[in-house]
Amino acid sequence: MQRGLLGKFWDITKLGRLSYDPRSSVTFLLATDTRIILSSFFW
């Protein structure tokens, strides 16, 4: 289940990266950091 949630979360961050709004870029970077942290806990 955690893998599935991270997968959905990753899809959302990818969509954020595709838009060129600077705020989305910041959100993407923060989300990537969060994803790495979550991954270290789950794996």
N, C-alpha and C. Protein backbone atom coordinates (compact mmCIF):
# COMPACT_ATOMS: atom_id res chain seq x y z
N MET A 1 0.84 -1.21 0.00
CA MET A 1 0.00 0.00 0.00
C MET A 1 0.87 1.25 0.00
N GLN A 2 1.93 1.24 0.80
CA GLN A 2 2.80 2.42 0.87
C GLN A 2 3.43 2.70 -0.49
N ARG A 3 3.80 1.66 -1.19
CA ARG A 3 4.34 1.83 -2.53
C ARG A 3 3.33 2.53 -3.43
N GLY A 4 2.07 2.09 -3.34
CA GLY A 4 1.02 2.69 -4.17
C GLY A 4 0.82 4.16 -3.85
N LEU A 5 0.84 4.49 -2.56
CA LEU A 5 0.68 5.89 -2.15
C LEU A 5 1.84 6.73 -2.65
N LEU A 6 3.06 6.20 -2.54
CA LEU A 6 4.22 6.94 -3.04
C LEU A 6 4.14 7.10 -4.55
N GLY A 7 3.62 6.09 -5.22
CA GLY A 7 3.47 6.18 -6.67
C GLY A 7 2.54 7.31 -7.06
N LYS A 8 1.41 7.41 -6.38
CA LYS A 8 0.45 8.49 -6.66
C LYS A 8 1.08 9.84 -6.33
N PHE A 9 1.79 9.89 -5.20
CA PHE A 9 2.45 11.12 -4.77
C PHE A 9 3.47 11.55 -5.82
N TRP A 10 4.23 10.58 -6.37
CA TRP A 10 5.25 10.86 -7.36
C TRP A 10 4.60 11.37 -8.64
N ASP A 11 3.46 10.80 -9.04
CA ASP A 11 2.75 11.28 -10.23
C ASP A 11 2.35 12.74 -10.05
N ILE A 12 1.89 13.11 -8.86
CA ILE A 12 1.49 14.48 -8.59
C ILE A 12 2.69 15.41 -8.70
N THR A 13 3.83 15.00 -8.17
CA THR A 13 5.02 15.85 -8.22
C THR A 13 5.51 15.98 -9.66
N LYS A 14 5.37 14.92 -10.46
CA LYS A 14 5.79 15.01 -11.86
C LYS A 14 4.92 16.03 -12.59
N LEU A 15 3.61 16.01 -12.31
CA LEU A 15 2.72 17.00 -12.92
C LEU A 15 3.13 18.40 -12.52
N GLY A 16 3.51 18.57 -11.26
CA GLY A 16 3.95 19.88 -10.79
C GLY A 16 5.21 20.33 -11.53
N ARG A 17 6.09 19.39 -11.82
CA ARG A 17 7.34 19.74 -12.49
C ARG A 17 7.08 20.16 -13.93
N LEU A 18 6.03 19.60 -14.55
CA LEU A 18 5.76 19.90 -15.95
C LEU A 18 5.27 21.32 -16.15
N SER A 19 4.64 21.89 -15.15
CA SER A 19 4.18 23.28 -15.28
C SER A 19 5.35 24.21 -14.95
N TYR A 20 5.38 25.37 -15.60
CA TYR A 20 6.54 26.25 -15.45
C TYR A 20 6.32 27.34 -14.42
N ASP A 21 5.31 27.17 -13.59
CA ASP A 21 5.08 28.11 -12.49
C ASP A 21 6.21 27.92 -11.47
N PRO A 22 6.93 29.00 -11.11
CA PRO A 22 8.04 28.87 -10.15
C PRO A 22 7.61 28.23 -8.84
N ARG A 23 6.38 28.53 -8.41
CA ARG A 23 5.90 27.93 -7.16
C ARG A 23 5.83 26.42 -7.29
N SER A 24 5.46 25.94 -8.49
CA SER A 24 5.39 24.49 -8.70
C SER A 24 6.78 23.87 -8.62
N SER A 25 7.78 24.60 -9.11
CA SER A 25 9.15 24.09 -9.04
C SER A 25 9.58 23.93 -7.59
N VAL A 26 9.27 24.93 -6.77
CA VAL A 26 9.60 24.85 -5.35
C VAL A 26 8.86 23.69 -4.71
N THR A 27 7.58 23.56 -5.03
CA THR A 27 6.78 22.47 -4.50
C THR A 27 7.37 21.13 -4.92
N PHE A 28 7.81 21.06 -6.18
CA PHE A 28 8.40 19.81 -6.68
C PHE A 28 9.65 19.45 -5.89
N LEU A 29 10.51 20.45 -5.65
CA LEU A 29 11.74 20.18 -4.91
C LEU A 29 11.43 19.71 -3.50
N LEU A 30 10.47 20.38 -2.85
CA LEU A 30 10.09 19.99 -1.49
C LEU A 30 9.49 18.59 -1.50
N ALA A 31 8.66 18.32 -2.50
CA ALA A 31 8.02 17.00 -2.58
C ALA A 31 9.07 15.92 -2.83
N THR A 32 10.08 16.24 -3.64
CA THR A 32 11.14 15.26 -3.91
C THR A 32 11.89 14.96 -2.63
N ASP A 33 12.23 15.99 -1.85
CA ASP A 33 12.91 15.78 -0.57
C ASP A 33 12.04 14.91 0.34
N THR A 34 10.76 15.22 0.40
CA THR A 34 9.84 14.45 1.24
C THR A 34 9.78 13.01 0.78
N ARG A 35 9.76 12.80 -0.54
CA ARG A 35 9.69 11.46 -1.09
C ARG A 35 10.93 10.66 -0.71
N ILE A 36 12.10 11.29 -0.78
CA ILE A 36 13.33 10.61 -0.42
C ILE A 36 13.31 10.22 1.06
N ILE A 37 12.84 11.14 1.90
CA ILE A 37 12.75 10.86 3.33
C ILE A 37 11.78 9.71 3.59
N LEU A 38 10.62 9.76 2.93
CA LEU A 38 9.64 8.69 3.11
C LEU A 38 10.20 7.36 2.63
N SER A 39 10.92 7.40 1.50
CA SER A 39 11.49 6.17 0.96
C SER A 39 12.48 5.55 1.94
N SER A 40 13.26 6.41 2.60
CA SER A 40 14.25 5.88 3.54
C SER A 40 13.55 5.20 4.73
N PHE A 41 12.36 5.67 5.08
CA PHE A 41 11.62 5.02 6.16
C PHE A 41 10.99 3.71 5.70
N PHE A 42 10.47 3.71 4.47
CA PHE A 42 9.73 2.55 3.99
C PHE A 42 10.65 1.43 3.52
N TRP A 43 11.85 1.79 3.04
CA TRP A 43 12.73 0.75 2.52
C TRP A 43 13.95 0.64 3.40
